[in-house]
Protein backbone atom coordinates (compact mmCIF):
# COMPACT_ATOMS: atom_id res chain seq x y z
CA UNK A 1 10.47 1.21 6.01
CA UNK A 2 8.01 3.87 4.85
CA UNK A 3 9.21 7.43 5.27
CA UNK A 4 7.83 9.44 8.15
CA UNK A 5 6.45 11.96 5.71
CA UNK A 6 2.87 10.74 5.76
CA UNK A 7 0.27 8.09 6.11
CA UNK A 8 -0.42 4.47 5.44
CA UNK A 9 1.81 2.43 3.11
CA UNK A 10 0.27 2.22 -0.36
CA UNK A 11 0.93 0.15 -3.48
CA UNK A 12 4.38 1.64 -4.30
CA UNK A 13 5.59 1.06 -0.73
CA UNK A 14 4.42 -2.56 -0.86
CA UNK A 15 6.13 -3.09 -4.21
CA UNK A 16 9.40 -1.99 -2.62
CA UNK A 17 8.79 -4.33 0.32
CA UNK A 18 8.24 -7.16 -2.15
CA UNK A 19 11.54 -6.44 -3.85
CA UNK A 20 13.31 -6.50 -0.48
CA UNK A 21 11.73 -9.85 0.33
CA UNK A 22 12.75 -11.22 -3.06
CA UNK A 23 16.33 -10.06 -2.54
CA UNK A 24 16.83 -11.11 1.08
CA UNK A 25 14.25 -13.73 2.11
CA UNK A 26 13.04 -15.76 -0.87
CA UNK A 27 14.84 -19.09 -0.94
CA UNK A 28 15.65 -18.97 2.77
CA UNK A 29 14.32 -21.43 5.34
CA UNK A 30 12.73 -20.13 8.54
CA UNK A 31 14.59 -21.54 11.54
CA UNK A 32 12.40 -19.92 14.20
CA UNK A 33 9.37 -17.67 14.61
CA UNK A 34 8.99 -15.36 17.60
CA UNK A 35 5.77 -13.45 18.24
CA UNK A 36 6.65 -10.45 20.41
CA UNK A 37 3.30 -8.66 20.19
CA UNK A 38 0.10 -10.62 19.55
CA UNK A 39 -1.91 -7.52 18.64
CA UNK A 40 -0.85 -7.83 15.00
CA UNK A 41 -2.00 -11.46 14.72
CA UNK A 42 -5.23 -12.65 13.13
CA UNK A 43 -4.84 -16.14 14.63
CA UNK A 44 -3.20 -17.83 17.63
CA UNK A 45 0.56 -17.35 17.82
CA UNK A 46 1.02 -21.11 17.89
CA UNK A 47 -0.72 -21.44 14.51
CA UNK A 48 1.68 -18.98 12.91
CA UNK A 49 4.73 -20.47 14.60
CA UNK A 50 3.91 -24.08 13.68
CA UNK A 51 2.90 -23.18 10.14
CA UNK A 52 6.00 -21.18 9.24
CA UNK A 53 8.87 -22.69 11.24
CA UNK A 54 10.94 -25.01 9.06
CA UNK A 55 9.28 -23.83 5.86
CA UNK A 56 11.07 -22.18 2.96
CA UNK A 57 10.02 -18.80 1.58
CA UNK A 58 9.30 -19.84 -2.03
CA UNK A 59 8.27 -16.57 -3.68
CA UNK A 60 6.40 -13.35 -2.93
CA UNK A 61 3.35 -11.63 -4.37
CA UNK A 62 2.00 -8.13 -3.95
CA UNK A 63 -1.69 -7.38 -4.37
CA UNK A 64 -2.66 -3.78 -3.69
CA UNK A 65 -1.59 -2.95 -0.14
CA UNK A 66 -1.12 -6.62 0.76
CA UNK A 67 2.11 -8.59 0.65
CA UNK A 68 2.05 -12.38 0.48
CA UNK A 69 5.10 -14.58 1.02
CA UNK A 70 4.39 -18.03 -0.36
CA UNK A 71 5.73 -21.01 1.58
CA UNK A 72 7.02 -24.23 0.07
CA UNK A 73 3.98 -26.16 1.34
CA UNK A 74 1.47 -24.03 -0.60
CA UNK A 75 0.36 -21.75 2.24
CA UNK A 76 1.10 -18.03 2.21
CA UNK A 77 2.08 -15.50 4.84
CA UNK A 78 -0.07 -12.38 4.57
CA UNK A 79 1.34 -9.04 5.69
CA UNK A 80 -0.77 -5.89 5.82
CA UNK A 81 0.99 -2.89 7.30
CA UNK A 82 -1.79 -0.68 8.61
CA UNK A 83 -0.78 2.93 9.26
CA UNK A 84 2.83 2.52 10.40
CA UNK A 85 3.98 -0.99 9.53
CA UNK A 86 7.18 -1.93 7.72
CA UNK A 87 9.67 -4.75 7.20
CA UNK A 88 13.15 -4.88 8.67
CA UNK A 89 16.07 -7.10 7.73
CA UNK A 90 18.95 -7.38 10.19
CA UNK A 91 21.63 -9.73 11.43
CA UNK A 92 20.25 -12.19 13.96
CA UNK A 93 22.50 -10.91 16.74
CA UNK A 94 21.48 -7.26 16.37
CA UNK A 95 19.46 -5.79 19.24
CA UNK A 96 15.72 -6.12 18.72
CA UNK A 97 13.67 -2.94 18.57
CA UNK A 98 10.35 -2.52 20.37
CA UNK A 99 8.47 -2.22 17.07
CA UNK A 100 9.58 -5.68 15.86
CA UNK A 101 6.31 -7.50 16.51
CA UNK A 102 6.97 -10.79 14.71
CA UNK A 103 10.47 -12.07 13.99
CA UNK A 104 11.42 -14.74 11.46
CA UNK A 105 14.93 -16.12 11.97
CA UNK A 106 16.35 -17.24 8.62
CA UNK A 107 18.97 -19.86 7.83
CA UNK A 108 21.63 -17.29 6.85
CA UNK A 109 21.93 -15.77 10.34
CA UNK A 110 19.67 -12.89 9.44
CA UNK A 111 16.15 -12.07 10.52
CA UNK A 112 13.09 -10.67 8.82
CA UNK A 113 10.91 -8.67 11.19
CA UNK A 114 7.35 -7.50 10.73
CA UNK A 115 7.36 -4.13 12.48
CA UNK A 116 4.50 -1.92 13.58
CA UNK A 117 4.81 1.08 15.86
CA UNK A 118 1.09 1.31 16.62
CA UNK A 119 0.27 -2.37 16.13
CA UNK A 120 -2.51 -1.58 13.64
CA UNK A 121 -1.33 -3.92 10.90
CA UNK A 122 -1.91 -7.63 10.65
CA UNK A 123 -0.05 -10.79 9.80
CA UNK A 124 -1.69 -14.12 9.09
CA UNK A 125 -0.98 -17.55 7.66
CA UNK A 126 -3.53 -18.18 4.89
CA UNK A 127 -4.50 -21.22 2.83
CA UNK A 128 -4.32 -19.43 -0.53
CA UNK A 129 -4.02 -15.85 -1.72
CA UNK A 130 -7.25 -16.03 -3.70
CA UNK A 131 -9.22 -17.33 -0.75
CA UNK A 132 -8.01 -14.38 1.31
CA UNK A 133 -8.81 -11.83 -1.40
CA UNK A 134 -12.29 -13.28 -1.89
CA UNK A 135 -13.04 -13.43 1.84
CA UNK A 136 -12.02 -9.79 2.32
CA UNK A 137 -13.66 -8.55 -0.90
CA UNK A 138 -10.42 -7.13 -2.26
CA UNK A 139 -10.62 -6.03 -5.88
CA UNK A 140 -7.98 -6.39 -8.60
CA UNK A 141 -4.58 -4.79 -8.17
CA UNK A 142 -4.59 -1.23 -9.53
CA UNK A 143 -1.64 -1.89 -11.84
CA UNK A 144 -3.21 -5.06 -13.27
CA UNK A 145 -6.11 -3.24 -14.92
CA UNK A 146 -6.39 -1.92 -18.45
CA UNK A 147 -8.34 1.27 -19.19
CA UNK A 148 -11.60 -0.56 -19.81
CA UNK A 149 -11.33 -2.64 -16.65
CA UNK A 150 -10.47 0.47 -14.66
CA UNK A 151 -13.62 2.24 -15.77
CA UNK A 152 -15.78 -0.81 -15.12
CA UNK A 153 -14.39 -1.22 -11.60
CA UNK A 154 -15.03 2.42 -10.65
CA UNK A 155 -18.66 2.21 -11.72
CA UNK A 156 -21.09 5.14 -11.89
CA UNK A 157 -22.14 5.71 -8.28
CA UNK A 158 -20.62 7.88 -5.59
CA UNK A 159 -17.73 10.31 -5.52
CA UNK A 160 -14.45 9.97 -7.36
CA UNK A 161 -11.94 9.92 -4.51
CA UNK A 162 -14.01 7.49 -2.45
CA UNK A 163 -14.13 5.14 -5.44
CA UNK A 164 -10.37 5.30 -6.01
CA UNK A 165 -9.76 4.39 -2.37
CA UNK A 166 -12.35 1.62 -2.23
CA UNK A 167 -10.24 -1.53 -2.02
CA UNK A 168 -13.16 -3.66 -3.20
CA UNK A 169 -13.11 -1.75 -6.50
CA UNK A 170 -9.35 -1.64 -7.06
CA UNK A 171 -6.58 -2.40 -4.60
CA UNK A 172 -3.57 -0.25 -3.86
CA UNK A 173 -4.49 3.43 -3.76
CA UNK A 174 -4.67 5.18 -0.40
CA UNK A 175 -5.06 8.77 0.69
CA UNK A 176 -1.82 10.19 -0.69
CA UNK A 177 -1.69 8.64 -4.13
CA UNK A 178 -5.41 9.05 -4.78
CA UNK A 179 -4.96 12.79 -4.15
CA UNK A 180 -1.92 12.83 -6.43
CA UNK A 181 -3.75 10.98 -9.18
CA UNK A 182 -6.62 13.46 -9.05
CA UNK A 183 -4.21 16.40 -9.04
CA UNK A 184 -2.42 15.08 -12.12
CA UNK A 185 -5.76 14.47 -13.85
CA UNK A 186 -7.16 17.90 -12.91
CA UNK A 187 -10.24 16.39 -11.30
CA UNK A 188 -11.95 17.49 -8.09
CA UNK A 189 -12.04 14.73 -5.44
CA UNK A 190 -15.79 15.14 -4.93
CA UNK A 191 -16.63 14.81 -8.63
CA UNK A 192 -19.57 12.39 -9.04
CA UNK A 193 -18.58 9.37 -11.09
CA UNK A 194 -21.62 9.83 -13.31
CA UNK A 195 -20.35 13.32 -14.23
CA UNK A 196 -17.15 11.98 -15.82
CA UNK A 197 -16.83 11.85 -19.59
CA UNK A 198 -14.93 9.24 -21.57
CA UNK A 199 -11.80 11.38 -21.87
CA UNK A 200 -11.88 11.97 -18.09
CA UNK A 201 -11.69 8.22 -17.44
CA UNK A 202 -8.89 7.81 -19.99
CA UNK A 203 -6.89 10.65 -18.44
CA UNK A 204 -7.55 9.43 -14.90
CA UNK A 205 -6.37 5.91 -15.74
CA UNK A 206 -3.21 7.19 -17.41
CA UNK A 207 -2.44 9.47 -14.47
CA UNK A 208 -3.00 6.70 -11.93
CA UNK A 209 -0.49 4.45 -13.66
CA UNK A 210 2.04 7.26 -14.03
CA UNK A 211 1.73 8.22 -10.37
CA UNK A 212 2.15 4.67 -9.08
CA UNK A 213 5.00 3.79 -11.44
CA UNK A 214 6.85 7.05 -10.73
CA UNK A 215 6.47 6.54 -6.98
CA UNK A 216 7.97 3.06 -7.34
CA UNK A 217 10.88 4.50 -9.36
CA UNK A 218 11.51 6.99 -6.53
CA UNK A 219 11.54 4.10 -4.03
CA UNK A 220 8.55 5.45 -2.13
CA UNK A 221 10.45 8.57 -1.01
CA UNK A 222 7.53 10.96 -1.17
CA UNK A 223 9.40 14.23 -0.54
CA UNK A 224 11.63 13.36 -3.53
CA UNK A 225 8.80 13.00 -6.04
CA UNK A 226 8.69 15.53 -8.91
CA UNK A 227 8.64 19.12 -7.65
CA UNK A 228 5.50 19.98 -9.65
CA UNK A 229 3.51 17.22 -7.92
CA UNK A 230 1.15 17.72 -5.01
CA UNK A 231 2.75 15.18 -2.68
CA UNK A 232 6.06 16.95 -1.90
CA UNK A 233 4.00 20.04 -0.97
CA UNK A 234 1.29 18.23 0.99
CA UNK A 235 1.18 20.68 3.89
CA UNK A 236 -1.57 23.17 4.69
CA UNK A 237 0.85 26.11 4.68
CA UNK A 238 2.16 25.32 1.18
CA UNK A 239 0.71 26.14 -2.22
CA UNK A 240 0.05 24.49 -5.54
CA UNK A 241 3.44 24.20 -7.31
CA UNK A 242 1.81 24.92 -10.66
CA UNK A 243 -0.38 27.97 -10.09
CA UNK A 244 0.51 29.16 -6.59
CA UNK A 245 -3.02 28.80 -5.19
CA UNK A 246 -3.37 27.82 -1.52
CA UNK A 247 -4.46 24.23 -1.13
CA UNK A 248 -8.05 23.39 -0.39
CA UNK A 249 -8.07 20.93 2.51
CA UNK A 250 -11.17 19.09 3.72
CA UNK A 251 -12.50 15.70 4.73
CA UNK A 252 -13.54 13.70 1.67
CA UNK A 253 -14.63 10.13 2.21
CA UNK A 254 -13.49 10.40 5.81
CA UNK A 255 -9.90 11.29 4.88
CA UNK A 256 -8.00 14.56 4.93
CA UNK A 257 -7.83 15.56 1.27
CA UNK A 258 -5.70 18.12 -0.59
CA UNK A 259 -6.54 19.65 -3.95
CA UNK A 260 -5.95 22.82 -5.96
CA UNK A 261 -9.15 24.90 -6.25
CA UNK A 262 -7.95 26.43 -9.53
CA UNK A 263 -6.58 23.38 -11.33
CA UNK A 264 -9.22 20.97 -9.96
CA UNK A 265 -12.50 22.92 -10.14
CA UNK A 266 -15.65 21.40 -8.71
CA UNK A 267 -18.26 20.26 -11.21
C-alpha cells in the first residue's frame, strides 16, 4: 500500500507491488473473483470473472506504472492504480474493507484485493501486454533504457518536466520522482529540452536511475528517503535541505511542482 505521504503510485511503488505478487500470488490458482465496485473496471464484470476464475497466476511483469499478472492461458491481468490504488493480501476470512474493489480468492485460503479509495484506477483482462502498451501509446519502461535511448525518447521539443512525465516517451515517472530527478540533476523543471547540453542529458539519466533505484531500496517509503533529497521535505513550509532556500512551488505541466530556486536556476 502506498504511503499517505503523497500522490499517485510511481515506478518504485509498482516494483514493490510486483514483488508482493511474486511472493504471495504467483503459482496460486484463483478460486473465485468478486467485483465489489465496477467503477474500476474497463470491461463487464462477467468478462473479468470468467476470464480469471480457475486460472493460475503464472508470473508478473511491471511496465512503468502498470502491473501485469500473466495467467496460465496467455492472457494478462492489468492493474493501474490511479491516485490512491494499492494491493492487499489477507486471509480469506478477514473482514473486507470498503476500498477492496476487486477480490481474487486464491487456493491457499488467502485473497488478493485490488483496492482503490477513490476508484480512479483500473483493472482489465487483456490479450497481451504488448497489445495493451501499443493501444495506449505507452513508451518503454524508464529503467529499461540506456543513456542514448533515454535522450532519444525525450526528444527536443517542450519542457523538461513535462517530457519526463509523458508516459508515451518513457513510462514510470510521476510528479514526485520527476521533481526529485530534476533536483538531483540541478535542472529547472521548465528548462526547454533544446537548451540541454550533452552533459545535462548524461547527468539527468544517471540521476533518474539513482532516484528510482534508491526509492525501490527504501520500499517506497518516501519520508525515509535520504535527508538531503527533496522528497522528504516536499512541503511548502520547508526549505531546501542543501542550501536552506525556500522552495519554489508552481504548476508545471499541470502538476504542483517543487524546486530549489538556487540549486535549479532557470535558463
